[in-house]
Amino acid sequence: MTATQTNDPKVREIVQSIQKLDVDEQLALFYFIYKEMGDSITPAAPGASTVSPAVADGLFNQVKELSHEEQLQLQRDLINKADTLHTREYGSMSDTTKLLFWYRLAQGMDAHTVIPMPSSYEISSQSKEIIEKIKPLDFGVQMSLFRDYVAPMGAEPKPGSAV
């Protein structure tokens, strides 16, 4: 697992603010960021040297095959760093590929191939404040922030395992 962290104290502060939210609020916040800023946040710059769309799509396709309850649990497991086959597969990805995977999840939520956000869901005032802190950041800083957020999720691949 590559968990690179930016040296920008503002980015670290925002990432820590997100991580302090409960798991379901983190999931909602990340989805609302996608909805709010999706036009400017590209799918993790697919041309980046560390992104592997085939790997991100492979895990995403596995997620699509799960029931909605299992899809939600997998997302919770990623944030909680639970040790499962899927979280170890995620943990073996580059940070940029992890970001692309989350982008695919948000797209799947919109397409209803992944458990959608309840239409009546309201994010917390804390989450709204976090979004307002992210919006004015330079695009590159936003990408660093999102990579720093998704990088530590999942579980370390077990030595000698295929994943």
N, C-alpha and C. Protein backbone atom coordinates (compact mmCIF):
# COMPACT_ATOMS: atom_id res chain seq x y z
N MET A 1 0.86 -1.17 0.00
CA MET A 1 0.00 0.00 0.00
C MET A 1 0.90 1.22 0.00
N THR A 2 0.61 2.18 -0.83
CA THR A 2 1.48 3.37 -0.96
C THR A 2 1.02 4.52 -0.12
N ALA A 3 0.72 4.88 0.77
CA ALA A 3 0.06 5.96 1.47
C ALA A 3 0.94 7.20 1.53
N THR A 4 1.11 7.83 0.41
CA THR A 4 1.89 9.07 0.40
C THR A 4 1.04 10.18 1.00
N GLN A 5 1.69 11.05 1.71
CA GLN A 5 0.98 12.17 2.34
C GLN A 5 1.61 13.46 1.88
N THR A 6 0.79 14.44 1.61
CA THR A 6 1.30 15.75 1.22
C THR A 6 1.86 16.47 2.44
N ASN A 7 2.75 17.38 2.21
CA ASN A 7 3.31 18.17 3.30
C ASN A 7 2.48 19.42 3.59
N ASP A 8 1.43 19.65 2.82
CA ASP A 8 0.60 20.84 2.98
C ASP A 8 -0.25 20.70 4.26
N PRO A 9 -0.02 21.57 5.25
CA PRO A 9 -0.77 21.45 6.51
C PRO A 9 -2.27 21.65 6.33
N LYS A 10 -2.68 22.48 5.37
CA LYS A 10 -4.12 22.69 5.12
C LYS A 10 -4.76 21.39 4.62
N VAL A 11 -4.06 20.68 3.73
CA VAL A 11 -4.56 19.40 3.21
C VAL A 11 -4.66 18.39 4.35
N ARG A 12 -3.61 18.29 5.17
CA ARG A 12 -3.62 17.34 6.28
C ARG A 12 -4.78 17.64 7.23
N GLU A 13 -5.02 18.92 7.49
CA GLU A 13 -6.10 19.31 8.40
C GLU A 13 -7.46 18.90 7.84
N ILE A 14 -7.68 19.12 6.55
CA ILE A 14 -8.96 18.74 5.94
C ILE A 14 -9.13 17.23 5.93
N VAL A 15 -8.08 16.49 5.57
CA VAL A 15 -8.15 15.03 5.57
C VAL A 15 -8.48 14.52 6.97
N GLN A 16 -7.84 15.07 7.98
CA GLN A 16 -8.13 14.66 9.36
C GLN A 16 -9.56 15.00 9.75
N SER A 17 -10.07 16.13 9.28
CA SER A 17 -11.46 16.50 9.56
C SER A 17 -12.42 15.48 8.96
N ILE A 18 -12.12 15.05 7.74
CA ILE A 18 -12.97 14.03 7.09
C ILE A 18 -12.90 12.73 7.87
N GLN A 19 -11.69 12.32 8.25
CA GLN A 19 -11.51 11.04 8.94
C GLN A 19 -12.15 11.02 10.32
N LYS A 20 -12.41 12.19 10.91
CA LYS A 20 -13.07 12.25 12.22
C LYS A 20 -14.57 12.03 12.13
N LEU A 21 -15.14 12.18 10.93
CA LEU A 21 -16.57 11.93 10.75
C LEU A 21 -16.85 10.45 10.90
N ASP A 22 -18.10 10.10 11.25
CA ASP A 22 -18.41 8.67 11.30
C ASP A 22 -18.38 8.12 9.88
N VAL A 23 -18.28 6.81 9.78
CA VAL A 23 -18.04 6.15 8.50
C VAL A 23 -19.10 6.49 7.46
N ASP A 24 -20.36 6.42 7.83
CA ASP A 24 -21.41 6.70 6.85
C ASP A 24 -21.39 8.16 6.41
N GLU A 25 -21.04 9.07 7.32
CA GLU A 25 -20.94 10.47 6.94
C GLU A 25 -19.75 10.68 6.00
N GLN A 26 -18.67 9.94 6.20
CA GLN A 26 -17.53 10.03 5.29
C GLN A 26 -17.94 9.58 3.88
N LEU A 27 -18.69 8.49 3.83
CA LEU A 27 -19.16 8.00 2.52
C LEU A 27 -20.06 9.04 1.86
N ALA A 28 -20.97 9.61 2.62
CA ALA A 28 -21.88 10.62 2.08
C ALA A 28 -21.10 11.84 1.62
N LEU A 29 -20.16 12.29 2.43
CA LEU A 29 -19.37 13.47 2.09
C LEU A 29 -18.62 13.25 0.78
N PHE A 30 -17.98 12.10 0.64
CA PHE A 30 -17.21 11.85 -0.57
C PHE A 30 -18.12 11.83 -1.79
N TYR A 31 -19.33 11.27 -1.64
CA TYR A 31 -20.29 11.27 -2.74
C TYR A 31 -20.75 12.70 -3.06
N PHE A 32 -21.04 13.48 -2.03
CA PHE A 32 -21.48 14.85 -2.26
C PHE A 32 -20.38 15.69 -2.89
N ILE A 33 -19.14 15.42 -2.55
CA ILE A 33 -18.02 16.11 -3.21
C ILE A 33 -18.04 15.77 -4.70
N TYR A 34 -18.24 14.49 -5.00
CA TYR A 34 -18.33 14.07 -6.41
C TYR A 34 -19.48 14.81 -7.10
N LYS A 35 -20.64 14.88 -6.45
CA LYS A 35 -21.80 15.53 -7.06
C LYS A 35 -21.56 17.03 -7.23
N GLU A 36 -20.99 17.64 -6.24
CA GLU A 36 -20.78 19.09 -6.24
C GLU A 36 -19.66 19.50 -7.19
N MET A 37 -18.61 18.70 -7.25
CA MET A 37 -17.41 19.10 -7.97
C MET A 37 -17.04 18.12 -9.07
N GLY A 38 -17.92 17.22 -9.39
CA GLY A 38 -17.62 16.16 -10.34
C GLY A 38 -17.16 16.63 -11.71
N ASP A 39 -17.66 17.79 -12.13
CA ASP A 39 -17.24 18.28 -13.45
C ASP A 39 -15.79 18.71 -13.45
N SER A 40 -15.31 19.18 -12.30
CA SER A 40 -13.91 19.62 -12.25
C SER A 40 -12.99 18.52 -11.75
N ILE A 41 -13.54 17.58 -11.02
CA ILE A 41 -12.73 16.47 -10.53
C ILE A 41 -12.85 15.34 -11.54
N THR A 42 -11.83 15.18 -12.32
CA THR A 42 -11.84 14.14 -13.34
C THR A 42 -11.64 12.78 -12.69
N PRO A 43 -11.85 11.73 -13.40
CA PRO A 43 -11.65 10.41 -12.83
C PRO A 43 -10.18 10.12 -12.54
N ALA A 44 -9.63 10.89 -11.62
CA ALA A 44 -8.27 10.67 -11.12
C ALA A 44 -7.21 10.73 -12.20
N ALA A 45 -7.40 11.59 -13.16
CA ALA A 45 -6.42 11.78 -14.22
C ALA A 45 -5.97 10.45 -14.81
N PRO A 46 -6.83 9.78 -15.58
CA PRO A 46 -6.53 8.45 -16.08
C PRO A 46 -5.20 8.31 -16.79
N GLY A 47 -4.65 9.38 -17.30
CA GLY A 47 -3.36 9.29 -17.97
C GLY A 47 -2.18 9.31 -17.01
N ALA A 48 -2.46 9.51 -15.72
CA ALA A 48 -1.37 9.58 -14.74
C ALA A 48 -0.60 8.27 -14.73
N SER A 49 0.69 8.38 -14.48
CA SER A 49 1.55 7.20 -14.59
C SER A 49 1.24 6.12 -13.56
N THR A 50 0.62 6.50 -12.44
CA THR A 50 0.37 5.49 -11.40
C THR A 50 -1.05 4.93 -11.43
N VAL A 51 -1.87 5.36 -12.39
CA VAL A 51 -3.24 4.86 -12.42
C VAL A 51 -3.32 3.60 -13.28
N SER A 52 -4.15 2.67 -12.83
CA SER A 52 -4.39 1.45 -13.58
C SER A 52 -5.91 1.26 -13.70
N PRO A 53 -6.50 1.81 -14.78
CA PRO A 53 -7.95 1.70 -14.93
C PRO A 53 -8.45 0.25 -14.92
N ALA A 54 -7.68 -0.67 -15.48
CA ALA A 54 -8.12 -2.07 -15.50
C ALA A 54 -8.25 -2.62 -14.08
N VAL A 55 -7.33 -2.24 -13.20
CA VAL A 55 -7.38 -2.72 -11.81
C VAL A 55 -8.58 -2.09 -11.10
N ALA A 56 -8.76 -0.78 -11.23
CA ALA A 56 -9.89 -0.09 -10.60
C ALA A 56 -11.21 -0.67 -11.11
N ASP A 57 -11.29 -0.86 -12.42
CA ASP A 57 -12.51 -1.40 -13.00
C ASP A 57 -12.75 -2.84 -12.58
N GLY A 58 -11.67 -3.61 -12.41
CA GLY A 58 -11.81 -4.99 -11.97
C GLY A 58 -12.46 -5.07 -10.60
N LEU A 59 -11.99 -4.27 -9.66
CA LEU A 59 -12.59 -4.26 -8.32
C LEU A 59 -13.99 -3.68 -8.38
N PHE A 60 -14.18 -2.62 -9.15
CA PHE A 60 -15.52 -2.03 -9.28
C PHE A 60 -16.50 -3.06 -9.83
N ASN A 61 -16.12 -3.83 -10.83
CA ASN A 61 -17.00 -4.85 -11.40
C ASN A 61 -17.34 -5.92 -10.37
N GLN A 62 -16.40 -6.25 -9.48
CA GLN A 62 -16.70 -7.19 -8.40
C GLN A 62 -17.74 -6.59 -7.45
N VAL A 63 -17.60 -5.32 -7.16
CA VAL A 63 -18.54 -4.64 -6.25
C VAL A 63 -19.93 -4.62 -6.86
N LYS A 64 -20.03 -4.36 -8.16
CA LYS A 64 -21.35 -4.30 -8.82
C LYS A 64 -22.11 -5.62 -8.67
N GLU A 65 -21.38 -6.73 -8.56
CA GLU A 65 -22.02 -8.04 -8.46
C GLU A 65 -22.58 -8.32 -7.06
N LEU A 66 -22.19 -7.53 -6.08
CA LEU A 66 -22.65 -7.73 -4.71
C LEU A 66 -24.04 -7.15 -4.52
N SER A 67 -24.74 -7.60 -3.47
CA SER A 67 -26.01 -6.98 -3.12
C SER A 67 -25.76 -5.56 -2.63
N HIS A 68 -26.77 -4.74 -2.61
CA HIS A 68 -26.60 -3.36 -2.14
C HIS A 68 -26.07 -3.32 -0.71
N GLU A 69 -26.55 -4.21 0.14
CA GLU A 69 -26.07 -4.25 1.52
C GLU A 69 -24.59 -4.60 1.57
N GLU A 70 -24.17 -5.56 0.74
CA GLU A 70 -22.76 -5.94 0.69
C GLU A 70 -21.90 -4.82 0.10
N GLN A 71 -22.43 -4.08 -0.86
CA GLN A 71 -21.71 -2.95 -1.44
C GLN A 71 -21.45 -1.89 -0.39
N LEU A 72 -22.47 -1.59 0.40
CA LEU A 72 -22.31 -0.59 1.45
C LEU A 72 -21.32 -1.07 2.50
N GLN A 73 -21.41 -2.35 2.86
CA GLN A 73 -20.48 -2.89 3.86
C GLN A 73 -19.04 -2.85 3.35
N LEU A 74 -18.84 -3.15 2.07
CA LEU A 74 -17.49 -3.09 1.51
C LEU A 74 -16.93 -1.68 1.62
N GLN A 75 -17.73 -0.67 1.31
CA GLN A 75 -17.27 0.70 1.42
C GLN A 75 -16.93 1.05 2.87
N ARG A 76 -17.77 0.60 3.78
CA ARG A 76 -17.48 0.82 5.21
C ARG A 76 -16.20 0.10 5.61
N ASP A 77 -16.03 -1.12 5.10
CA ASP A 77 -14.82 -1.90 5.42
C ASP A 77 -13.56 -1.20 4.93
N LEU A 78 -13.65 -0.56 3.77
CA LEU A 78 -12.49 0.16 3.25
C LEU A 78 -12.08 1.28 4.21
N ILE A 79 -13.05 2.06 4.64
CA ILE A 79 -12.77 3.17 5.56
C ILE A 79 -12.27 2.65 6.90
N ASN A 80 -12.88 1.57 7.38
CA ASN A 80 -12.50 0.99 8.68
C ASN A 80 -11.25 0.13 8.62
N LYS A 81 -10.69 -0.03 7.42
CA LYS A 81 -9.48 -0.83 7.22
C LYS A 81 -9.66 -2.29 7.67
N ALA A 82 -10.86 -2.81 7.44
CA ALA A 82 -11.13 -4.22 7.75
C ALA A 82 -10.29 -5.09 6.83
N ASP A 83 -9.97 -6.27 7.27
CA ASP A 83 -9.13 -7.19 6.51
C ASP A 83 -10.02 -8.20 5.79
N THR A 84 -10.33 -7.91 4.52
CA THR A 84 -11.13 -8.81 3.68
C THR A 84 -10.42 -8.95 2.34
N LEU A 85 -10.87 -9.87 1.54
CA LEU A 85 -10.28 -10.05 0.21
C LEU A 85 -10.37 -8.75 -0.59
N HIS A 86 -11.55 -8.11 -0.59
CA HIS A 86 -11.72 -6.89 -1.37
C HIS A 86 -10.86 -5.74 -0.83
N THR A 87 -10.78 -5.60 0.49
CA THR A 87 -10.00 -4.49 1.05
C THR A 87 -8.50 -4.72 0.84
N ARG A 88 -8.07 -5.97 0.80
CA ARG A 88 -6.65 -6.25 0.48
C ARG A 88 -6.37 -5.96 -0.98
N GLU A 89 -7.33 -6.29 -1.86
CA GLU A 89 -7.15 -5.97 -3.28
C GLU A 89 -7.05 -4.45 -3.43
N TYR A 90 -7.91 -3.73 -2.76
CA TYR A 90 -7.87 -2.26 -2.78
C TYR A 90 -6.53 -1.78 -2.22
N GLY A 91 -6.08 -2.35 -1.13
CA GLY A 91 -4.83 -1.95 -0.49
C GLY A 91 -3.61 -2.13 -1.38
N SER A 92 -3.72 -2.99 -2.36
CA SER A 92 -2.58 -3.24 -3.26
C SER A 92 -2.51 -2.23 -4.40
N MET A 93 -3.52 -1.39 -4.53
CA MET A 93 -3.56 -0.42 -5.64
C MET A 93 -2.71 0.81 -5.33
N SER A 94 -2.30 1.51 -6.40
CA SER A 94 -1.64 2.81 -6.23
C SER A 94 -2.68 3.80 -5.71
N ASP A 95 -2.22 4.88 -5.12
CA ASP A 95 -3.13 5.89 -4.58
C ASP A 95 -4.04 6.47 -5.66
N THR A 96 -3.49 6.69 -6.85
CA THR A 96 -4.28 7.26 -7.94
C THR A 96 -5.31 6.25 -8.43
N THR A 97 -4.98 4.98 -8.45
CA THR A 97 -5.94 3.95 -8.83
C THR A 97 -7.05 3.86 -7.79
N LYS A 98 -6.70 4.01 -6.52
CA LYS A 98 -7.72 4.03 -5.46
C LYS A 98 -8.70 5.17 -5.68
N LEU A 99 -8.19 6.32 -6.04
CA LEU A 99 -9.04 7.47 -6.30
C LEU A 99 -9.97 7.20 -7.49
N LEU A 100 -9.44 6.59 -8.52
CA LEU A 100 -10.26 6.22 -9.67
C LEU A 100 -11.35 5.23 -9.26
N PHE A 101 -11.02 4.28 -8.40
CA PHE A 101 -12.02 3.31 -7.92
C PHE A 101 -13.18 4.04 -7.23
N TRP A 102 -12.86 5.02 -6.36
CA TRP A 102 -13.92 5.77 -5.67
C TRP A 102 -14.74 6.58 -6.67
N TYR A 103 -14.10 7.10 -7.70
CA TYR A 103 -14.81 7.83 -8.74
C TYR A 103 -15.79 6.87 -9.44
N ARG A 104 -15.33 5.66 -9.74
CA ARG A 104 -16.21 4.66 -10.37
C ARG A 104 -17.39 4.33 -9.44
N LEU A 105 -17.13 4.23 -8.13
CA LEU A 105 -18.23 3.97 -7.19
C LEU A 105 -19.28 5.08 -7.26
N ALA A 106 -18.83 6.34 -7.28
CA ALA A 106 -19.76 7.46 -7.36
C ALA A 106 -20.56 7.41 -8.67
N GLN A 107 -19.89 7.08 -9.77
CA GLN A 107 -20.60 6.94 -11.03
C GLN A 107 -21.62 5.81 -10.94
N GLY A 108 -21.23 4.71 -10.30
CA GLY A 108 -22.14 3.58 -10.12
C GLY A 108 -23.35 3.94 -9.26
N MET A 109 -23.12 4.79 -8.27
CA MET A 109 -24.24 5.25 -7.44
C MET A 109 -25.21 6.05 -8.28
N ASP A 110 -24.69 6.92 -9.15
CA ASP A 110 -25.55 7.70 -10.04
C ASP A 110 -26.33 6.80 -10.99
N ALA A 111 -25.68 5.75 -11.47
CA ALA A 111 -26.30 4.84 -12.43
C ALA A 111 -27.14 3.76 -11.74
N HIS A 112 -27.13 3.75 -10.41
CA HIS A 112 -27.85 2.77 -9.59
C HIS A 112 -27.34 1.34 -9.80
N THR A 113 -26.07 1.20 -10.23
CA THR A 113 -25.46 -0.13 -10.28
C THR A 113 -24.74 -0.40 -8.96
N VAL A 114 -24.57 0.65 -8.16
CA VAL A 114 -24.04 0.56 -6.80
C VAL A 114 -25.08 1.23 -5.91
N ILE A 115 -25.19 0.76 -4.68
CA ILE A 115 -26.20 1.29 -3.78
C ILE A 115 -26.24 2.82 -3.83
N PRO A 116 -27.39 3.37 -4.22
CA PRO A 116 -27.45 4.83 -4.36
C PRO A 116 -27.58 5.53 -3.01
N MET A 117 -27.24 6.79 -3.01
CA MET A 117 -27.42 7.63 -1.83
C MET A 117 -28.93 7.82 -1.65
N PRO A 118 -29.44 7.65 -0.43
CA PRO A 118 -30.87 7.92 -0.23
C PRO A 118 -31.19 9.36 -0.67
N SER A 119 -32.25 9.53 -1.43
CA SER A 119 -32.57 10.84 -2.00
C SER A 119 -32.82 11.90 -0.93
N SER A 120 -33.24 11.49 0.24
CA SER A 120 -33.55 12.45 1.30
C SER A 120 -32.36 12.72 2.22
N TYR A 121 -31.20 12.12 1.92
CA TYR A 121 -30.05 12.26 2.82
C TYR A 121 -29.53 13.69 2.84
N GLU A 122 -29.32 14.21 4.02
CA GLU A 122 -28.73 15.55 4.20
C GLU A 122 -27.38 15.37 4.88
N ILE A 123 -26.34 15.93 4.29
CA ILE A 123 -25.04 15.84 4.95
C ILE A 123 -25.01 16.79 6.14
N SER A 124 -24.15 16.49 7.07
CA SER A 124 -24.04 17.28 8.30
C SER A 124 -23.45 18.66 8.03
N SER A 125 -23.62 19.54 8.98
CA SER A 125 -23.03 20.88 8.86
C SER A 125 -21.51 20.78 8.81
N GLN A 126 -20.93 19.79 9.53
CA GLN A 126 -19.47 19.58 9.48
C GLN A 126 -19.03 19.26 8.06
N SER A 127 -19.79 18.37 7.40
CA SER A 127 -19.44 17.99 6.02
C SER A 127 -19.58 19.17 5.08
N LYS A 128 -20.61 19.99 5.28
CA LYS A 128 -20.78 21.18 4.43
C LYS A 128 -19.60 22.12 4.61
N GLU A 129 -19.12 22.27 5.83
CA GLU A 129 -17.96 23.12 6.09
C GLU A 129 -16.72 22.57 5.39
N ILE A 130 -16.55 21.26 5.41
CA ILE A 130 -15.40 20.63 4.75
C ILE A 130 -15.46 20.89 3.24
N ILE A 131 -16.63 20.73 2.64
CA ILE A 131 -16.77 20.99 1.20
C ILE A 131 -16.39 22.43 0.89
N GLU A 132 -16.83 23.35 1.73
CA GLU A 132 -16.52 24.77 1.50
C GLU A 132 -15.02 25.05 1.63
N LYS A 133 -14.31 24.26 2.43
CA LYS A 133 -12.85 24.41 2.53
C LYS A 133 -12.15 23.83 1.31
N ILE A 134 -12.76 22.82 0.70
CA ILE A 134 -12.14 22.15 -0.46
C ILE A 134 -12.35 22.93 -1.75
N LYS A 135 -13.54 23.49 -1.93
CA LYS A 135 -13.89 24.16 -3.19
C LYS A 135 -12.85 25.17 -3.68
N PRO A 136 -12.36 26.07 -2.82
CA PRO A 136 -11.44 27.09 -3.35
C PRO A 136 -10.01 26.60 -3.60
N LEU A 137 -9.70 25.37 -3.21
CA LEU A 137 -8.34 24.87 -3.39
C LEU A 137 -8.03 24.68 -4.87
N ASP A 138 -6.80 24.87 -5.24
CA ASP A 138 -6.32 24.59 -6.58
C ASP A 138 -6.59 23.12 -6.91
N PHE A 139 -6.87 22.86 -8.18
CA PHE A 139 -7.19 21.50 -8.62
C PHE A 139 -6.14 20.48 -8.16
N GLY A 140 -4.86 20.80 -8.32
CA GLY A 140 -3.80 19.87 -7.92
C GLY A 140 -3.81 19.61 -6.43
N VAL A 141 -4.12 20.63 -5.64
CA VAL A 141 -4.21 20.46 -4.19
C VAL A 141 -5.41 19.59 -3.84
N GLN A 142 -6.53 19.81 -4.54
CA GLN A 142 -7.71 18.95 -4.33
C GLN A 142 -7.36 17.49 -4.59
N MET A 143 -6.66 17.23 -5.69
CA MET A 143 -6.30 15.85 -6.02
C MET A 143 -5.38 15.26 -4.95
N SER A 144 -4.43 16.04 -4.46
CA SER A 144 -3.56 15.57 -3.38
C SER A 144 -4.39 15.24 -2.14
N LEU A 145 -5.34 16.11 -1.82
CA LEU A 145 -6.19 15.90 -0.66
C LEU A 145 -6.98 14.60 -0.81
N PHE A 146 -7.62 14.41 -1.96
CA PHE A 146 -8.43 13.20 -2.15
C PHE A 146 -7.56 11.95 -2.14
N ARG A 147 -6.38 12.02 -2.75
CA ARG A 147 -5.47 10.86 -2.71
C ARG A 147 -5.04 10.57 -1.28
N ASP A 148 -4.72 11.62 -0.52
CA ASP A 148 -4.32 11.43 0.88
C ASP A 148 -5.46 10.82 1.70
N TYR A 149 -6.69 11.14 1.33
CA TYR A 149 -7.84 10.59 2.05
C TYR A 149 -8.04 9.11 1.72
N VAL A 150 -7.98 8.74 0.44
CA VAL A 150 -8.27 7.35 0.06
C VAL A 150 -7.07 6.41 0.23
N ALA A 151 -5.86 6.96 0.28
CA ALA A 151 -4.65 6.13 0.33
C ALA A 151 -4.60 5.17 1.50
N PRO A 152 -4.87 5.60 2.73
CA PRO A 152 -4.71 4.66 3.85
C PRO A 152 -5.87 3.67 4.02
N MET A 153 -6.90 3.79 3.22
CA MET A 153 -8.04 2.88 3.35
C MET A 153 -7.66 1.48 2.91
N GLY A 154 -8.51 0.54 3.27
CA GLY A 154 -8.30 -0.84 2.87
C GLY A 154 -7.34 -1.54 3.82
N ALA A 155 -6.86 -2.68 3.39
CA ALA A 155 -5.96 -3.49 4.21
C ALA A 155 -4.71 -3.83 3.41
N GLU A 156 -3.64 -4.06 4.13
CA GLU A 156 -2.38 -4.46 3.49
C GLU A 156 -2.56 -5.86 2.89
N PRO A 157 -2.07 -6.04 1.66
CA PRO A 157 -2.07 -7.39 1.10
C PRO A 157 -1.23 -8.31 1.96
N LYS A 158 -1.64 -9.54 2.12
CA LYS A 158 -0.88 -10.50 2.92
C LYS A 158 0.33 -10.97 2.12
N PRO A 159 1.50 -11.08 2.78
CA PRO A 159 2.70 -11.56 2.08
C PRO A 159 2.45 -12.93 1.45
N GLY A 160 2.85 -13.05 0.20
CA GLY A 160 2.73 -14.33 -0.49
C GLY A 160 1.35 -14.59 -1.07
N SER A 161 0.39 -13.67 -0.87
CA SER A 161 -0.94 -13.90 -1.43
C SER A 161 -1.02 -13.29 -2.82
N ALA A 162 -1.98 -13.73 -3.58
CA ALA A 162 -2.17 -13.22 -4.94
C ALA A 162 -2.62 -11.78 -4.92
N VAL A 163 -3.25 -11.35 -3.84
CA VAL A 163 -3.72 -9.96 -3.72
C VAL A 163 -2.97 -9.28 -2.62
